[in-house]
C-alpha atoms as a PDB file:
ATOM      1  CA  MET A   1      86.293-176.302  70.754  1.00  0.00           C
ATOM      2  CA  PRO A   2      85.471-173.963  73.632  1.00  0.00           C
ATOM      3  CA  SER A   3      88.531-172.070  74.840  1.00  0.00           C
ATOM      4  CA  SER A   4      87.581-172.987  78.421  1.00  0.00           C
ATOM      5  CA  PHE A   5      88.565-176.601  77.598  1.00  0.00           C
ATOM      6  CA  LYS A   6      92.023-175.562  76.333  1.00  0.00           C
ATOM      7  CA  LYS A   7      93.299-174.819  79.824  1.00  0.00           C
ATOM      8  CA  ILE A   8      95.227-176.676  82.488  1.00  0.00           C
ATOM      9  CA  TYR A   9      93.243-179.342  84.364  1.00  0.00           C
ATOM     10  CA  GLN A  10      90.547-179.512  81.659  1.00  0.00           C
ATOM     11  CA  CYS A  11      91.771-182.680  79.915  1.00  0.00           C
ATOM     12  CA  LYS A  12      88.660-184.795  80.513  1.00  0.00           C
ATOM     13  CA  GLU A  13      86.328-182.041  79.351  1.00  0.00           C
ATOM     14  CA  PHE A  14      88.462-181.411  76.243  1.00  0.00           C
ATOM     15  CA  ALA A  15      88.740-185.108  75.341  1.00  0.00           C
ATOM     16  CA  THR A  16      85.036-185.799  75.900  1.00  0.00           C
ATOM     17  CA  GLU A  17      84.018-182.837  73.733  1.00  0.00           C
ATOM     18  CA  LEU A  18      86.439-183.829  70.966  1.00  0.00           C
ATOM     19  CA  MET A  19      85.231-187.446  71.019  1.00  0.00           C
ATOM     20  CA  THR A  20      81.600-186.279  70.875  1.00  0.00           C
ATOM     21  CA  ARG A  21      82.321-184.043  67.879  1.00  0.00           C
ATOM     22  CA  MET A  22      84.287-186.758  66.098  1.00  0.00           C
ATOM     23  CA  THR A  23      81.705-189.504  66.593  1.00  0.00           C
ATOM     24  CA  GLY A  24      78.979-187.086  65.502  1.00  0.00           C
ATOM     25  CA  GLN A  25      80.794-186.793  62.173  1.00  0.00           C
ATOM     26  CA  GLY A  26      81.401-190.536  61.884  1.00  0.00           C
ATOM     27  CA  MET A  27      85.105-190.261  62.715  1.00  0.00           C
ATOM     28  CA  LYS A  28      86.980-192.840  64.732  1.00  0.00           C
ATOM     29  CA  GLY A  29      89.789-192.385  67.209  1.00  0.00           C
ATOM     30  CA  GLU A  30      91.134-193.619  70.510  1.00  0.00           C
ATOM     31  CA  MET A  31      90.849-192.239  74.014  1.00  0.00           C
ATOM     32  CA  VAL A  32      94.249-192.522  75.727  1.00  0.00           C
ATOM     33  CA  ALA A  33      94.244-192.388  79.528  1.00  0.00           C
ATOM     34  CA  LEU A  34      97.398-191.890  81.582  1.00  0.00           C
ATOM     35  CA  LYS A  35      97.807-192.600  85.290  1.00  0.00           C
ATOM     36  CA  SER A  36     100.636-191.643  87.628  1.00  0.00           C
ATOM     37  CA  ASP A  37     101.063-193.415  90.941  1.00  0.00           C
ATOM     38  CA  THR A  38     102.463-190.174  92.397  1.00  0.00           C
ATOM     39  CA  GLY A  39      99.219-188.250  91.876  1.00  0.00           C
ATOM     40  CA  TYR A  40     100.960-185.780  89.554  1.00  0.00           C
ATOM     41  CA  ILE A  41     101.863-185.694  85.869  1.00  0.00           C
ATOM     42  CA  TRP A  42     104.668-183.390  84.755  1.00  0.00           C
ATOM     43  CA  SER A  43     104.978-181.961  81.240  1.00  0.00           C
ATOM     44  CA  GLU A  44     108.580-181.356  80.173  1.00  0.00           C
ATOM     45  CA  THR A  45     107.367-179.121  77.334  1.00  0.00           C
ATOM     46  CA  LEU A  46     105.303-176.899  79.608  1.00  0.00           C
ATOM     47  CA  GLY A  47     107.670-177.138  82.580  1.00  0.00           C
ATOM     48  CA  ARG A  48     104.862-177.730  85.060  1.00  0.00           C
ATOM     49  CA  ASN A  49     102.441-180.240  86.512  1.00  0.00           C
ATOM     50  CA  ILE A  50      99.404-180.763  84.321  1.00  0.00           C
ATOM     51  CA  SER A  51      97.611-183.066  86.754  1.00  0.00           C
ATOM     52  CA  THR A  52      97.152-182.987  90.501  1.00  0.00           C
ATOM     53  CA  ASN A  53      95.123-186.214  90.663  1.00  0.00           C
ATOM     54  CA  GLY A  54      97.476-188.420  88.627  1.00  0.00           C
ATOM     55  CA  ASP A  55      95.119-188.673  85.645  1.00  0.00           C
ATOM     56  CA  HIS A  56      95.382-187.255  82.137  1.00  0.00           C
ATOM     57  CA  VAL A  57      93.567-188.078  78.918  1.00  0.00           C
ATOM     58  CA  GLY A  58      93.900-187.255  75.242  1.00  0.00           C
ATOM     59  CA  VAL A  59      92.374-188.271  71.920  1.00  0.00           C
ATOM     60  CA  LYS A  60      94.543-190.144  69.419  1.00  0.00           C
ATOM     61  CA  VAL A  61      93.875-190.012  65.683  1.00  0.00           C
ATOM     62  CA  GLY A  62      96.432-191.827  63.568  1.00  0.00           C
ATOM     63  CA  ASN A  63      99.848-190.929  64.979  1.00  0.00           C
ATOM     64  CA  MET A  64      98.691-187.615  66.486  1.00  0.00           C
ATOM     65  CA  ILE A  65      97.195-186.949  69.894  1.00  0.00           C
ATOM     66  CA  TYR A  66      95.101-183.978  70.964  1.00  0.00           C
ATOM     67  CA  ASP A  67      94.553-182.750  74.501  1.00  0.00           C
ATOM     68  CA  ASN A  68      93.833-179.565  76.417  1.00  0.00           C
ATOM     69  CA  MET A  69      97.520-178.577  76.396  1.00  0.00           C
ATOM     70  CA  PHE A  70      98.118-179.461  72.732  1.00  0.00           C
ATOM     71  CA  PRO A  71      94.765-178.792  71.000  1.00  0.00           C
ATOM     72  CA  LYS A  72      96.484-178.674  67.578  1.00  0.00           C
ATOM     73  CA  GLY A  73      98.001-182.077  68.242  1.00  0.00           C
ATOM     74  CA  VAL A  74     101.460-183.535  68.713  1.00  0.00           C
ATOM     75  CA  PRO A  75     102.983-186.846  67.610  1.00  0.00           C
ATOM     76  CA  TYR A  76     101.862-189.639  69.948  1.00  0.00           C
ATOM     77  CA  ASN A  77     105.354-190.823  70.944  1.00  0.00           C
ATOM     78  CA  GLN A  78     106.417-187.240  71.687  1.00  0.00           C
ATOM     79  CA  TRP A  79     103.357-186.814  73.935  1.00  0.00           C
ATOM     80  CA  LEU A  80     104.078-190.036  75.821  1.00  0.00           C
ATOM     81  CA  TYR A  81     107.701-189.040  76.407  1.00  0.00           C
ATOM     82  CA  ASP A  82     106.771-185.478  77.381  1.00  0.00           C
ATOM     83  CA  LEU A  83     104.407-186.764  80.068  1.00  0.00           C
ATOM     84  CA  GLY A  84     106.837-189.345  81.454  1.00  0.00           C
ATOM     85  CA  VAL A  85     105.271-192.576  80.215  1.00  0.00           C
ATOM     86  CA  GLY A  86     107.851-195.317  80.716  1.00  0.00           C
ATOM     87  CA  PHE A  87     109.378-193.664  83.755  1.00  0.00           C
ATOM     88  CA  PRO A  88     108.924-195.055  87.290  1.00  0.00           C
ATOM     89  CA  LYS A  89     105.483-194.444  88.800  1.00  0.00           C
ATOM     90  CA  MET A  90     103.813-193.894  85.392  1.00  0.00           C
ATOM     91  CA  GLN A  91     101.482-196.701  84.382  1.00  0.00           C
ATOM     92  CA  PRO A  92     101.226-197.823  80.743  1.00  0.00           C
ATOM     93  CA  PRO A  93      98.606-195.892  78.756  1.00  0.00           C
ATOM     94  CA  ILE A  94      95.101-197.315  78.541  1.00  0.00           C
ATOM     95  CA  VAL A  95      93.870-197.009  74.951  1.00  0.00           C
ATOM     96  CA  THR A  96      90.136-197.264  74.259  1.00  0.00           C
ATOM     97  CA  PRO A  97      88.920-197.098  70.636  1.00  0.00           C
ATOM     98  CA  PHE A  98      85.739-195.200  69.789  1.00  0.00           C
END
């Protein structure tokens, strides 16, 4: 994975590249899209905003999810909690299998 995709605000590029590599090897996963009505998504782990447009995306494989901030993966429920899913103004995740 190019290091340029493992940086803040590169979630869509990271997820698209990972999905392309996985499908090229016959692997399946799920694209998980998050949306905040505030226009921002805060990461408790990183202590900063990771989105200034209210969108974030990661790739889920089994119970792990991979994104530009956690390229080695983190447990899915931990990721959801870290990014505020379930709190006011955060919409439920949209999960799309591939």
